[in-house]
Amino acid sequence: MKTACFMPVFCLLLSASGAGDEIRYAKPQLLMEPEELARPAVAPHYVILDARKREAFETEHIPGARWVDHDAWRAEFEDGKDPAAWSRRIGDLGISSDSQVVVYDEGKDTYGARIWWTLRYWGLEHVRLLNGGWHRWQLLALPTNSEAAAAVPAAEFRVTARNQRLATLDQVLDSLKENGWQIVDARTEAEHCGIDLLENQRGGAIPHAKNLEWTAMFDPETKQLKEAAEIKRLLNAAGIDLDRPTASHCQSGGRGAVMAFALELMGAEHVRNYYRGWSEWGNLETTPIMVPPASQ
C-alpha cells in the first residue's frame, strides 16, 4: 500500500465561486471529489469501480477499487437487451440495489461516464463519477494500491430498465417529425460538420442538432468538470436549453454519456442517450442528415 499526506477537506464546494447569485451545480451528488473519497470514514461506504484498462488497474489503483470491464460493457449493452445477464454482470461486482458506487477512469471520463450511465439505466440510483478521475487522484498524491485486488462476493442485483434514459433510432426519427427532443451532438466539430467521417458511410449531423464537444466540459489540466458558471456559459453559447427534453449522442455512446452526465449535473431532468449514435445514423441510407458549415 502506498500512502501520501494530504490536507483535510474542511469544505467541499461543488459550485462556481462568486457572490450570492453564484451558479451552482444543480445535482452535486452526482460527483465525488477525490479528497472526500480518500477519507477513511468515507471510502468504506462506497463500491469503487475502476473503468481503466485492466493493465493499468493491476499496476496501481485506488485502494479498495474493483475493476470493471468497460469494453465488455460497451459491446454487450445493445440497447438494453438481456436484463438477466446484466443482473449477473452487475451483481458479480458486489453491487446490490442499495449500493453506493463511485466510478473513475483515467480522467478522460468517456469510460467512466459510460459505466455511470449504464448503471443508471439498469436502475441503480446512487452512482457518482470521481471528479478528475485517476489523473486528479495522482495529482493530489492520494493513497494508491498496487497489490492484487481481493475477490469480492457476488451480490443479488435485479435490474430495472430505465427506458427514459435511452433513445432509439425510431424515437429520434419520430422526435424530428414532431419537433420534440433537443438533440445534443457531443462529437467534434469536424465530425458534426461531415469533415471527419471516421469509418462511417456518411458524415454530418442529425437535423437541428446542437453541437458541443464533450471535452469542453473539462479543465484540460486537472480533468475536473469545469465550474458550473462556465458550463452554463458553454450551454448557452451552443443554444442548449436545460429545460427541454434532450437526447445526447456521439459515435457509440461514451461521449454522449459524458454529455448526459453534464446536463443532469446542471439540472436537466429529461436526458436520454442515443446510445448507438452516429455508428447507426451515419451508416443508414434513409436517415436525414444536415451538413453544417464549420466555424472559421
C-alpha atoms as a PDB file:
ATOM      1  CA  MET A   1       0.000   0.000   0.000  1.00  0.00           C
ATOM      2  CA  LYS A   2       1.387   3.417  -0.931  1.00  0.00           C
ATOM      3  CA  THR A   3       0.401   6.314   1.272  1.00  0.00           C
ATOM      4  CA  ALA A   4       0.628  10.057   0.996  1.00  0.00           C
ATOM      5  CA  CYS A   5      -0.130  13.015   3.208  1.00  0.00           C
ATOM      6  CA  PHE A   6      -2.891  15.384   2.222  1.00  0.00           C
ATOM      7  CA  MET A   7      -4.697  18.284   3.829  1.00  0.00           C
ATOM      8  CA  PRO A   8      -8.106  17.600   5.402  1.00  0.00           C
ATOM      9  CA  VAL A   9     -11.071  18.755   3.431  1.00  0.00           C
ATOM     10  CA  PHE A  10     -12.766  21.384   5.550  1.00  0.00           C
ATOM     11  CA  CYS A  11     -15.245  22.494   2.962  1.00  0.00           C
ATOM     12  CA  LEU A  12     -16.175  20.945  -0.365  1.00  0.00           C
ATOM     13  CA  LEU A  13     -17.671  23.428  -2.801  1.00  0.00           C
ATOM     14  CA  LEU A  14     -19.166  21.962  -5.967  1.00  0.00           C
ATOM     15  CA  SER A  15     -20.055  25.314  -7.416  1.00  0.00           C
ATOM     16  CA  ALA A  16     -18.721  28.304  -9.221  1.00  0.00           C
ATOM     17  CA  SER A  17     -17.138  30.885  -6.944  1.00  0.00           C
ATOM     18  CA  GLY A  18     -18.852  34.202  -6.596  1.00  0.00           C
ATOM     19  CA  ALA A  19     -21.437  36.157  -4.704  1.00  0.00           C
ATOM     20  CA  GLY A  20     -24.913  35.214  -3.527  1.00  0.00           C
ATOM     21  CA  ASP A  21     -26.204  34.781  -7.075  1.00  0.00           C
ATOM     22  CA  GLU A  22     -23.476  32.283  -7.982  1.00  0.00           C
ATOM     23  CA  ILE A  23     -24.390  29.457 -10.314  1.00  0.00           C
ATOM     24  CA  ARG A  24     -24.086  26.055  -8.668  1.00  0.00           C
ATOM     25  CA  TYR A  25     -24.331  22.514  -9.902  1.00  0.00           C
ATOM     26  CA  ALA A  26     -27.976  21.558  -9.537  1.00  0.00           C
ATOM     27  CA  LYS A  27     -27.090  17.944  -8.666  1.00  0.00           C
ATOM     28  CA  PRO A  28     -23.681  17.953  -6.942  1.00  0.00           C
ATOM     29  CA  GLN A  29     -24.435  14.491  -5.565  1.00  0.00           C
ATOM     30  CA  LEU A  30     -23.517  13.083  -8.985  1.00  0.00           C
ATOM     31  CA  LEU A  31     -19.865  13.960  -8.343  1.00  0.00           C
ATOM     32  CA  MET A  32     -17.371  12.705  -5.779  1.00  0.00           C
ATOM     33  CA  GLU A  33     -14.259  14.733  -5.042  1.00  0.00           C
ATOM     34  CA  PRO A  34     -11.016  12.736  -4.688  1.00  0.00           C
ATOM     35  CA  GLU A  35     -10.184  14.319  -1.325  1.00  0.00           C
ATOM     36  CA  GLU A  36     -13.543  13.219   0.010  1.00  0.00           C
ATOM     37  CA  LEU A  37     -13.274   9.635  -1.241  1.00  0.00           C
ATOM     38  CA  ALA A  38      -9.787   9.359   0.280  1.00  0.00           C
ATOM     39  CA  ARG A  39     -11.137   9.939   3.776  1.00  0.00           C
ATOM     40  CA  PRO A  40     -11.062   6.684   5.805  1.00  0.00           C
ATOM     41  CA  ALA A  41     -14.555   7.382   7.122  1.00  0.00           C
ATOM     42  CA  VAL A  42     -15.997   7.745   3.607  1.00  0.00           C
ATOM     43  CA  ALA A  43     -14.445   5.130   1.303  1.00  0.00           C
ATOM     44  CA  PRO A  44     -15.857   2.015   3.051  1.00  0.00           C
ATOM     45  CA  HIS A  45     -19.397   3.168   2.284  1.00  0.00           C
ATOM     46  CA  TYR A  46     -18.822   3.007  -1.491  1.00  0.00           C
ATOM     47  CA  VAL A  47     -18.207   0.399  -4.133  1.00  0.00           C
ATOM     48  CA  ILE A  48     -15.357   1.941  -6.130  1.00  0.00           C
ATOM     49  CA  LEU A  49     -15.192   0.893  -9.788  1.00  0.00           C
ATOM     50  CA  ASP A  50     -12.058   1.365 -11.879  1.00  0.00           C
ATOM     51  CA  ALA A  51     -13.021   1.612 -15.569  1.00  0.00           C
ATOM     52  CA  ARG A  52      -9.477   1.891 -16.929  1.00  0.00           C
ATOM     53  CA  LYS A  53      -7.693  -0.789 -18.920  1.00  0.00           C
ATOM     54  CA  ARG A  54      -7.006  -3.916 -16.905  1.00  0.00           C
ATOM     55  CA  GLU A  55      -3.231  -3.498 -17.152  1.00  0.00           C
ATOM     56  CA  ALA A  56      -3.470  -0.022 -15.629  1.00  0.00           C
ATOM     57  CA  PHE A  57      -5.677  -1.277 -12.807  1.00  0.00           C
ATOM     58  CA  GLU A  58      -3.338  -4.146 -11.992  1.00  0.00           C
ATOM     59  CA  THR A  59      -0.350  -1.802 -11.920  1.00  0.00           C
ATOM     60  CA  GLU A  60      -1.906   0.651  -9.480  1.00  0.00           C
ATOM     61  CA  HIS A  61      -5.377   1.661  -8.383  1.00  0.00           C
ATOM     62  CA  ILE A  62      -7.380   3.401  -5.678  1.00  0.00           C
ATOM     63  CA  PRO A  63      -7.421   1.278  -2.505  1.00  0.00           C
ATOM     64  CA  GLY A  64     -10.454  -0.994  -2.450  1.00  0.00           C
ATOM     65  CA  ALA A  65     -11.309  -0.423  -6.111  1.00  0.00           C
ATOM     66  CA  ARG A  66     -12.796  -3.198  -8.251  1.00  0.00           C
ATOM     67  CA  TRP A  67     -12.056  -3.471 -11.936  1.00  0.00           C
ATOM     68  CA  VAL A  68     -14.983  -3.186 -14.346  1.00  0.00           C
ATOM     69  CA  ASP A  69     -14.547  -4.316 -17.948  1.00  0.00           C
ATOM     70  CA  HIS A  70     -15.556  -1.205 -19.880  1.00  0.00           C
ATOM     71  CA  ASP A  71     -15.001  -2.784 -23.291  1.00  0.00           C
ATOM     72  CA  ALA A  72     -17.268  -5.718 -22.464  1.00  0.00           C
ATOM     73  CA  TRP A  73     -19.972  -3.403 -21.133  1.00  0.00           C
ATOM     74  CA  ARG A  74     -19.746  -1.300 -24.278  1.00  0.00           C
ATOM     75  CA  ALA A  75     -20.104  -4.348 -26.518  1.00  0.00           C
ATOM     76  CA  GLU A  76     -22.855  -6.052 -24.546  1.00  0.00           C
ATOM     77  CA  PHE A  77     -25.312  -3.212 -23.917  1.00  0.00           C
ATOM     78  CA  GLU A  78     -27.133  -3.394 -27.286  1.00  0.00           C
ATOM     79  CA  ASP A  79     -29.994  -1.059 -26.391  1.00  0.00           C
ATOM     80  CA  GLY A  80     -30.732  -2.766 -23.092  1.00  0.00           C
ATOM     81  CA  LYS A  81     -31.030  -6.394 -24.185  1.00  0.00           C
ATOM     82  CA  ASP A  82     -30.702  -9.435 -21.889  1.00  0.00           C
ATOM     83  CA  PRO A  83     -31.549  -7.980 -18.472  1.00  0.00           C
ATOM     84  CA  ALA A  84     -30.847 -11.312 -16.762  1.00  0.00           C
ATOM     85  CA  ALA A  85     -27.240 -11.206 -17.957  1.00  0.00           C
ATOM     86  CA  TRP A  86     -26.923  -7.625 -16.747  1.00  0.00           C
ATOM     87  CA  SER A  87     -28.274  -8.586 -13.338  1.00  0.00           C
ATOM     88  CA  ARG A  88     -25.468 -11.134 -13.060  1.00  0.00           C
ATOM     89  CA  ARG A  89     -22.839  -8.836 -14.524  1.00  0.00           C
ATOM     90  CA  ILE A  90     -23.576  -6.045 -12.065  1.00  0.00           C
ATOM     91  CA  GLY A  91     -24.126  -8.365  -9.115  1.00  0.00           C
ATOM     92  CA  ASP A  92     -20.784 -10.077  -9.744  1.00  0.00           C
ATOM     93  CA  LEU A  93     -19.117  -6.768  -8.872  1.00  0.00           C
ATOM     94  CA  GLY A  94     -20.647  -6.979  -5.411  1.00  0.00           C
ATOM     95  CA  ILE A  95     -23.237  -4.330  -6.243  1.00  0.00           C
ATOM     96  CA  SER A  96     -26.733  -4.607  -4.789  1.00  0.00           C
ATOM     97  CA  SER A  97     -29.703  -2.333  -5.349  1.00  0.00           C
ATOM     98  CA  ASP A  98     -28.824  -0.181  -2.335  1.00  0.00           C
ATOM     99  CA  SER A  99     -25.084   0.097  -3.058  1.00  0.00           C
ATOM    100  CA  GLN A 100     -23.447   3.484  -3.381  1.00  0.00           C
ATOM    101  CA  VAL A 101     -20.993   3.461  -6.274  1.00  0.00           C
ATOM    102  CA  VAL A 102     -18.164   5.739  -7.414  1.00  0.00           C
ATOM    103  CA  VAL A 103     -16.733   5.233 -10.912  1.00  0.00           C
ATOM    104  CA  TYR A 104     -13.426   6.521 -12.234  1.00  0.00           C
ATOM    105  CA  ASP A 105     -11.265   6.226 -15.319  1.00  0.00           C
ATOM    106  CA  GLU A 106      -8.013   7.847 -16.472  1.00  0.00           C
ATOM    107  CA  GLY A 107      -9.653  11.258 -16.249  1.00  0.00           C
ATOM    108  CA  LYS A 108     -10.988  11.478 -19.785  1.00  0.00           C
ATOM    109  CA  ASP A 109     -14.359  10.307 -18.429  1.00  0.00           C
ATOM    110  CA  THR A 110     -15.794   8.607 -21.518  1.00  0.00           C
ATOM    111  CA  TYR A 111     -15.145   5.201 -19.941  1.00  0.00           C
ATOM    112  CA  GLY A 112     -16.324   6.262 -16.504  1.00  0.00           C
ATOM    113  CA  ALA A 113     -19.373   8.061 -17.869  1.00  0.00           C
ATOM    114  CA  ARG A 114     -20.415   5.033 -19.910  1.00  0.00           C
ATOM    115  CA  ILE A 115     -20.286   2.839 -16.791  1.00  0.00           C
ATOM    116  CA  TRP A 116     -22.141   5.532 -14.803  1.00  0.00           C
ATOM    117  CA  TRP A 117     -24.836   5.808 -17.465  1.00  0.00           C
ATOM    118  CA  THR A 118     -25.220   2.035 -17.853  1.00  0.00           C
ATOM    119  CA  LEU A 119     -25.649   1.533 -14.109  1.00  0.00           C
ATOM    120  CA  ARG A 120     -28.221   4.321 -14.003  1.00  0.00           C
ATOM    121  CA  TYR A 121     -30.048   2.820 -16.989  1.00  0.00           C
ATOM    122  CA  TRP A 122     -30.276  -0.525 -15.201  1.00  0.00           C
ATOM    123  CA  GLY A 123     -31.830   1.085 -12.159  1.00  0.00           C
ATOM    124  CA  LEU A 124     -29.004   1.798  -9.719  1.00  0.00           C
ATOM    125  CA  GLU A 125     -29.792   5.106  -8.044  1.00  0.00           C
ATOM    126  CA  HIS A 126     -26.632   6.085  -6.183  1.00  0.00           C
ATOM    127  CA  VAL A 127     -23.819   6.355  -8.720  1.00  0.00           C
ATOM    128  CA  ARG A 128     -21.181   9.094  -8.830  1.00  0.00           C
ATOM    129  CA  LEU A 129     -18.250   9.992 -11.044  1.00  0.00           C
ATOM    130  CA  LEU A 130     -14.908  10.760  -9.423  1.00  0.00           C
ATOM    131  CA  ASN A 131     -14.159  14.360 -10.384  1.00  0.00           C
ATOM    132  CA  GLY A 132     -10.912  14.332 -12.347  1.00  0.00           C
ATOM    133  CA  GLY A 133     -10.601  10.552 -12.161  1.00  0.00           C
ATOM    134  CA  TRP A 134      -7.286   8.777 -11.732  1.00  0.00           C
ATOM    135  CA  HIS A 135      -5.455  11.784 -13.181  1.00  0.00           C
ATOM    136  CA  ARG A 136      -6.656  14.069 -10.392  1.00  0.00           C
ATOM    137  CA  TRP A 137      -6.117  11.365  -7.755  1.00  0.00           C
ATOM    138  CA  GLN A 138      -2.453  11.185  -8.738  1.00  0.00           C
ATOM    139  CA  LEU A 139      -2.035  14.965  -8.919  1.00  0.00           C
ATOM    140  CA  LEU A 140      -3.175  15.139  -5.305  1.00  0.00           C
ATOM    141  CA  ALA A 141      -0.788  12.321  -4.319  1.00  0.00           C
ATOM    142  CA  LEU A 142      -3.583  10.402  -2.632  1.00  0.00           C
ATOM    143  CA  PRO A 143      -3.074   6.796  -1.438  1.00  0.00           C
ATOM    144  CA  THR A 144      -2.830   4.055  -4.068  1.00  0.00           C
ATOM    145  CA  ASN A 145      -2.573   0.288  -4.028  1.00  0.00           C
ATOM    146  CA  SER A 146      -0.503  -1.939  -6.305  1.00  0.00           C
ATOM    147  CA  GLU A 147      -1.492  -5.224  -4.680  1.00  0.00           C
ATOM    148  CA  ALA A 148      -3.809  -7.689  -6.409  1.00  0.00           C
ATOM    149  CA  ALA A 149      -7.437  -6.840  -5.758  1.00  0.00           C
ATOM    150  CA  ALA A 150      -9.178  -9.176  -3.347  1.00  0.00           C
ATOM    151  CA  ALA A 151     -12.083 -11.218  -4.680  1.00  0.00           C
ATOM    152  CA  VAL A 152     -15.479  -9.881  -3.670  1.00  0.00           C
ATOM    153  CA  PRO A 153     -18.593 -11.976  -3.100  1.00  0.00           C
ATOM    154  CA  ALA A 154     -21.335 -11.565  -5.667  1.00  0.00           C
ATOM    155  CA  ALA A 155     -24.432  -9.654  -4.619  1.00  0.00           C
ATOM    156  CA  GLU A 156     -28.013 -10.020  -5.745  1.00  0.00           C
ATOM    157  CA  PHE A 157     -28.958  -7.302  -8.183  1.00  0.00           C
ATOM    158  CA  ARG A 158     -32.148  -7.296 -10.212  1.00  0.00           C
ATOM    159  CA  VAL A 159     -32.079  -4.761 -12.982  1.00  0.00           C
ATOM    160  CA  THR A 160     -34.971  -2.428 -13.659  1.00  0.00           C
ATOM    161  CA  ALA A 161     -34.528  -0.798 -17.059  1.00  0.00           C
ATOM    162  CA  ARG A 162     -34.980   2.975 -17.018  1.00  0.00           C
ATOM    163  CA  ASN A 163     -36.055   3.322 -20.625  1.00  0.00           C
ATOM    164  CA  GLN A 164     -36.459   7.065 -20.194  1.00  0.00           C
ATOM    165  CA  ARG A 165     -32.650   7.244 -20.202  1.00  0.00           C
ATOM    166  CA  LEU A 166     -32.256   5.656 -23.642  1.00  0.00           C
ATOM    167  CA  ALA A 167     -33.101   6.995 -27.094  1.00  0.00           C
ATOM    168  CA  THR A 168     -33.503   4.637 -30.045  1.00  0.00           C
ATOM    169  CA  LEU A 169     -33.355   5.285 -33.778  1.00  0.00           C
ATOM    170  CA  ASP A 170     -37.126   5.188 -34.226  1.00  0.00           C
ATOM    171  CA  GLN A 171     -37.653   7.512 -31.279  1.00  0.00           C
ATOM    172  CA  VAL A 172     -35.204  10.079 -32.639  1.00  0.00           C
ATOM    173  CA  LEU A 173     -36.835   9.913 -36.077  1.00  0.00           C
ATOM    174  CA  ASP A 174     -40.280  10.401 -34.537  1.00  0.00           C
ATOM    175  CA  SER A 175     -38.983  13.285 -32.455  1.00  0.00           C
ATOM    176  CA  LEU A 176     -37.712  15.055 -35.572  1.00  0.00           C
ATOM    177  CA  LYS A 177     -41.167  14.831 -37.138  1.00  0.00           C
ATOM    178  CA  GLU A 178     -42.785  16.269 -34.027  1.00  0.00           C
ATOM    179  CA  ASN A 179     -40.105  18.883 -33.261  1.00  0.00           C
ATOM    180  CA  GLY A 180     -39.754  17.130 -29.937  1.00  0.00           C
ATOM    181  CA  TRP A 181     -36.415  16.398 -28.319  1.00  0.00           C
ATOM    182  CA  GLN A 182     -33.461  18.721 -28.338  1.00  0.00           C
ATOM    183  CA  ILE A 183     -30.576  16.791 -29.932  1.00  0.00           C
ATOM    184  CA  VAL A 184     -27.125  17.482 -28.489  1.00  0.00           C
ATOM    185  CA  ASP A 185     -24.179  16.193 -30.505  1.00  0.00           C
ATOM    186  CA  ALA A 186     -21.145  15.624 -28.249  1.00  0.00           C
ATOM    187  CA  ARG A 187     -18.778  14.780 -31.126  1.00  0.00           C
ATOM    188  CA  THR A 188     -16.065  17.019 -32.527  1.00  0.00           C
ATOM    189  CA  GLU A 189     -16.976  19.868 -34.837  1.00  0.00           C
ATOM    190  CA  ALA A 190     -15.203  18.028 -37.671  1.00  0.00           C
ATOM    191  CA  GLU A 191     -17.493  15.030 -37.183  1.00  0.00           C
ATOM    192  CA  HIS A 192     -20.582  17.210 -36.779  1.00  0.00           C
ATOM    193  CA  CYS A 193     -19.815  19.106 -39.990  1.00  0.00           C
ATOM    194  CA  GLY A 194     -19.107  15.994 -42.045  1.00  0.00           C
ATOM    195  CA  ILE A 195     -15.375  16.629 -42.396  1.00  0.00           C
ATOM    196  CA  ASP A 196     -14.258  13.650 -40.319  1.00  0.00           C
ATOM    197  CA  LEU A 197     -16.321  10.585 -41.224  1.00  0.00           C
ATOM    198  CA  LEU A 198     -14.317   8.190 -39.036  1.00  0.00           C
ATOM    199  CA  GLU A 199     -15.329   4.848 -40.588  1.00  0.00           C
ATOM    200  CA  ASN A 200     -18.926   5.808 -41.322  1.00  0.00           C
ATOM    201  CA  GLN A 201     -20.520   5.765 -44.756  1.00  0.00           C
ATOM    202  CA  ARG A 202     -21.994   9.251 -44.338  1.00  0.00           C
ATOM    203  CA  GLY A 203     -20.928  12.371 -42.494  1.00  0.00           C
ATOM    204  CA  GLY A 204     -22.765  15.305 -40.987  1.00  0.00           C
ATOM    205  CA  ALA A 205     -25.299  15.734 -38.232  1.00  0.00           C
ATOM    206  CA  ILE A 206     -28.824  14.881 -37.182  1.00  0.00           C
ATOM    207  CA  PRO A 207     -31.044  17.758 -38.360  1.00  0.00           C
ATOM    208  CA  HIS A 208     -31.321  20.623 -35.836  1.00  0.00           C
ATOM    209  CA  ALA A 209     -28.705  19.062 -33.537  1.00  0.00           C
ATOM    210  CA  LYS A 210     -26.745  21.413 -31.282  1.00  0.00           C
ATOM    211  CA  ASN A 211     -23.015  20.673 -31.236  1.00  0.00           C
ATOM    212  CA  LEU A 212     -20.992  20.951 -28.040  1.00  0.00           C
ATOM    213  CA  GLU A 213     -17.894  18.775 -27.924  1.00  0.00           C
ATOM    214  CA  TRP A 214     -17.697  16.694 -24.771  1.00  0.00           C
ATOM    215  CA  THR A 215     -14.135  17.816 -23.988  1.00  0.00           C
ATOM    216  CA  ALA A 216     -15.391  21.361 -23.419  1.00  0.00           C
ATOM    217  CA  MET A 217     -16.863  20.197 -20.104  1.00  0.00           C
ATOM    218  CA  PHE A 218     -13.434  19.576 -18.528  1.00  0.00           C
ATOM    219  CA  ASP A 219     -10.433  21.517 -17.334  1.00  0.00           C
ATOM    220  CA  PRO A 220      -7.669  20.245 -19.645  1.00  0.00           C
ATOM    221  CA  GLU A 221      -5.043  20.208 -16.872  1.00  0.00           C
ATOM    222  CA  THR A 222      -6.903  18.748 -13.886  1.00  0.00           C
ATOM    223  CA  LYS A 223      -9.525  16.773 -15.874  1.00  0.00           C
ATOM    224  CA  GLN A 224     -12.142  18.072 -13.426  1.00  0.00           C
ATOM    225  CA  LEU A 225     -15.566  19.226 -14.560  1.00  0.00           C
ATOM    226  CA  LYS A 226     -15.493  22.945 -15.178  1.00  0.00           C
ATOM    227  CA  GLU A 227     -17.253  25.200 -12.726  1.00  0.00           C
ATOM    228  CA  ALA A 228     -20.999  25.497 -13.078  1.00  0.00           C
ATOM    229  CA  ALA A 229     -20.920  29.068 -14.363  1.00  0.00           C
ATOM    230  CA  GLU A 230     -18.564  28.118 -17.192  1.00  0.00           C
ATOM    231  CA  ILE A 231     -20.586  25.042 -18.162  1.00  0.00           C
ATOM    232  CA  LYS A 232     -23.724  27.176 -18.178  1.00  0.00           C
ATOM    233  CA  ARG A 233     -21.984  29.690 -20.444  1.00  0.00           C
ATOM    234  CA  LEU A 234     -20.976  26.920 -22.851  1.00  0.00           C
ATOM    235  CA  LEU A 235     -24.503  25.505 -22.924  1.00  0.00           C
ATOM    236  CA  ASN A 236     -25.984  28.934 -23.599  1.00  0.00           C
ATOM    237  CA  ALA A 237     -23.476  29.612 -26.383  1.00  0.00           C
ATOM    238  CA  ALA A 238     -24.428  26.322 -28.041  1.00  0.00           C
ATOM    239  CA  GLY A 239     -28.148  27.091 -27.721  1.00  0.00           C
ATOM    240  CA  ILE A 240     -28.792  24.192 -25.347  1.00  0.00           C
ATOM    241  CA  ASP A 241     -31.850  24.568 -23.113  1.00  0.00           C
ATOM    242  CA  LEU A 242     -31.679  22.640 -19.830  1.00  0.00           C
ATOM    243  CA  ASP A 243     -35.471  22.699 -19.557  1.00  0.00           C
ATOM    244  CA  ARG A 244     -36.105  20.860 -22.833  1.00  0.00           C
ATOM    245  CA  PRO A 245     -36.258  17.065 -23.105  1.00  0.00           C
ATOM    246  CA  THR A 246     -32.931  16.122 -24.650  1.00  0.00           C
ATOM    247  CA  ALA A 247     -31.204  13.255 -26.425  1.00  0.00           C
ATOM    248  CA  SER A 248     -27.415  13.394 -26.447  1.00  0.00           C
ATOM    249  CA  HIS A 249     -25.332  11.330 -28.841  1.00  0.00           C
ATOM    250  CA  CYS A 250     -21.862  10.711 -30.217  1.00  0.00           C
ATOM    251  CA  GLN A 251     -20.473   7.837 -32.283  1.00  0.00           C
ATOM    252  CA  SER A 252     -21.240   4.949 -29.939  1.00  0.00           C
ATOM    253  CA  GLY A 253     -22.432   6.063 -26.521  1.00  0.00           C
ATOM    254  CA  GLY A 254     -19.407   7.118 -24.464  1.00  0.00           C
ATOM    255  CA  ARG A 255     -19.148  10.815 -25.298  1.00  0.00           C
ATOM    256  CA  GLY A 256     -22.929  11.002 -25.304  1.00  0.00           C
ATOM    257  CA  ALA A 257     -22.870   9.624 -21.755  1.00  0.00           C
ATOM    258  CA  VAL A 258     -20.466  12.398 -20.731  1.00  0.00           C
ATOM    259  CA  MET A 259     -22.875  14.983 -22.119  1.00  0.00           C
ATOM    260  CA  ALA A 260     -25.853  13.324 -20.433  1.00  0.00           C
ATOM    261  CA  PHE A 261     -23.945  13.433 -17.146  1.00  0.00           C
ATOM    262  CA  ALA A 262     -23.046  17.109 -17.540  1.00  0.00           C
ATOM    263  CA  LEU A 263     -26.614  18.073 -18.437  1.00  0.00           C
ATOM    264  CA  GLU A 264     -28.001  16.216 -15.416  1.00  0.00           C
ATOM    265  CA  LEU A 265     -25.337  17.762 -13.196  1.00  0.00           C
ATOM    266  CA  MET A 266     -26.557  21.172 -14.335  1.00  0.00           C
ATOM    267  CA  GLY A 267     -30.189  20.329 -13.595  1.00  0.00           C
ATOM    268  CA  ALA A 268     -31.677  18.818 -16.754  1.00  0.00           C
ATOM    269  CA  GLU A 269     -34.427  16.374 -15.784  1.00  0.00           C
ATOM    270  CA  HIS A 270     -35.204  14.580 -19.044  1.00  0.00           C
ATOM    271  CA  VAL A 271     -31.994  13.435 -20.726  1.00  0.00           C
ATOM    272  CA  ARG A 272     -31.612  10.388 -22.937  1.00  0.00           C
ATOM    273  CA  ASN A 273     -28.518   8.944 -24.549  1.00  0.00           C
ATOM    274  CA  TYR A 274     -28.942   7.896 -28.175  1.00  0.00           C
ATOM    275  CA  TYR A 275     -26.518   5.098 -27.472  1.00  0.00           C
ATOM    276  CA  ARG A 276     -25.961   3.761 -30.983  1.00  0.00           C
ATOM    277  CA  GLY A 277     -25.487   7.315 -32.221  1.00  0.00           C
ATOM    278  CA  TRP A 278     -23.682   8.050 -35.448  1.00  0.00           C
ATOM    279  CA  SER A 279     -22.434   4.465 -35.760  1.00  0.00           C
ATOM    280  CA  GLU A 280     -26.063   3.704 -36.624  1.00  0.00           C
ATOM    281  CA  TRP A 281     -27.375   7.001 -38.037  1.00  0.00           C
ATOM    282  CA  GLY A 282     -24.393   7.612 -40.311  1.00  0.00           C
ATOM    283  CA  ASN A 283     -24.480   4.134 -41.833  1.00  0.00           C
ATOM    284  CA  LEU A 284     -28.109   4.050 -42.955  1.00  0.00           C
ATOM    285  CA  GLU A 285     -29.243   5.374 -46.318  1.00  0.00           C
ATOM    286  CA  THR A 286     -32.628   6.606 -45.125  1.00  0.00           C
ATOM    287  CA  THR A 287     -31.756   8.770 -42.118  1.00  0.00           C
ATOM    288  CA  PRO A 288     -31.947  12.550 -42.682  1.00  0.00           C
ATOM    289  CA  ILE A 289     -28.639  14.382 -42.392  1.00  0.00           C
ATOM    290  CA  MET A 290     -27.615  18.022 -42.355  1.00  0.00           C
ATOM    291  CA  VAL A 291     -24.069  19.209 -43.091  1.00  0.00           C
ATOM    292  CA  PRO A 292     -23.472  22.413 -41.126  1.00  0.00           C
ATOM    293  CA  PRO A 293     -20.674  24.797 -42.118  1.00  0.00           C
ATOM    294  CA  ALA A 294     -17.573  24.612 -39.947  1.00  0.00           C
ATOM    295  CA  SER A 295     -16.636  27.641 -37.879  1.00  0.00           C
ATOM    296  CA  GLN A 296     -13.752  29.745 -39.146  1.00  0.00           C
END
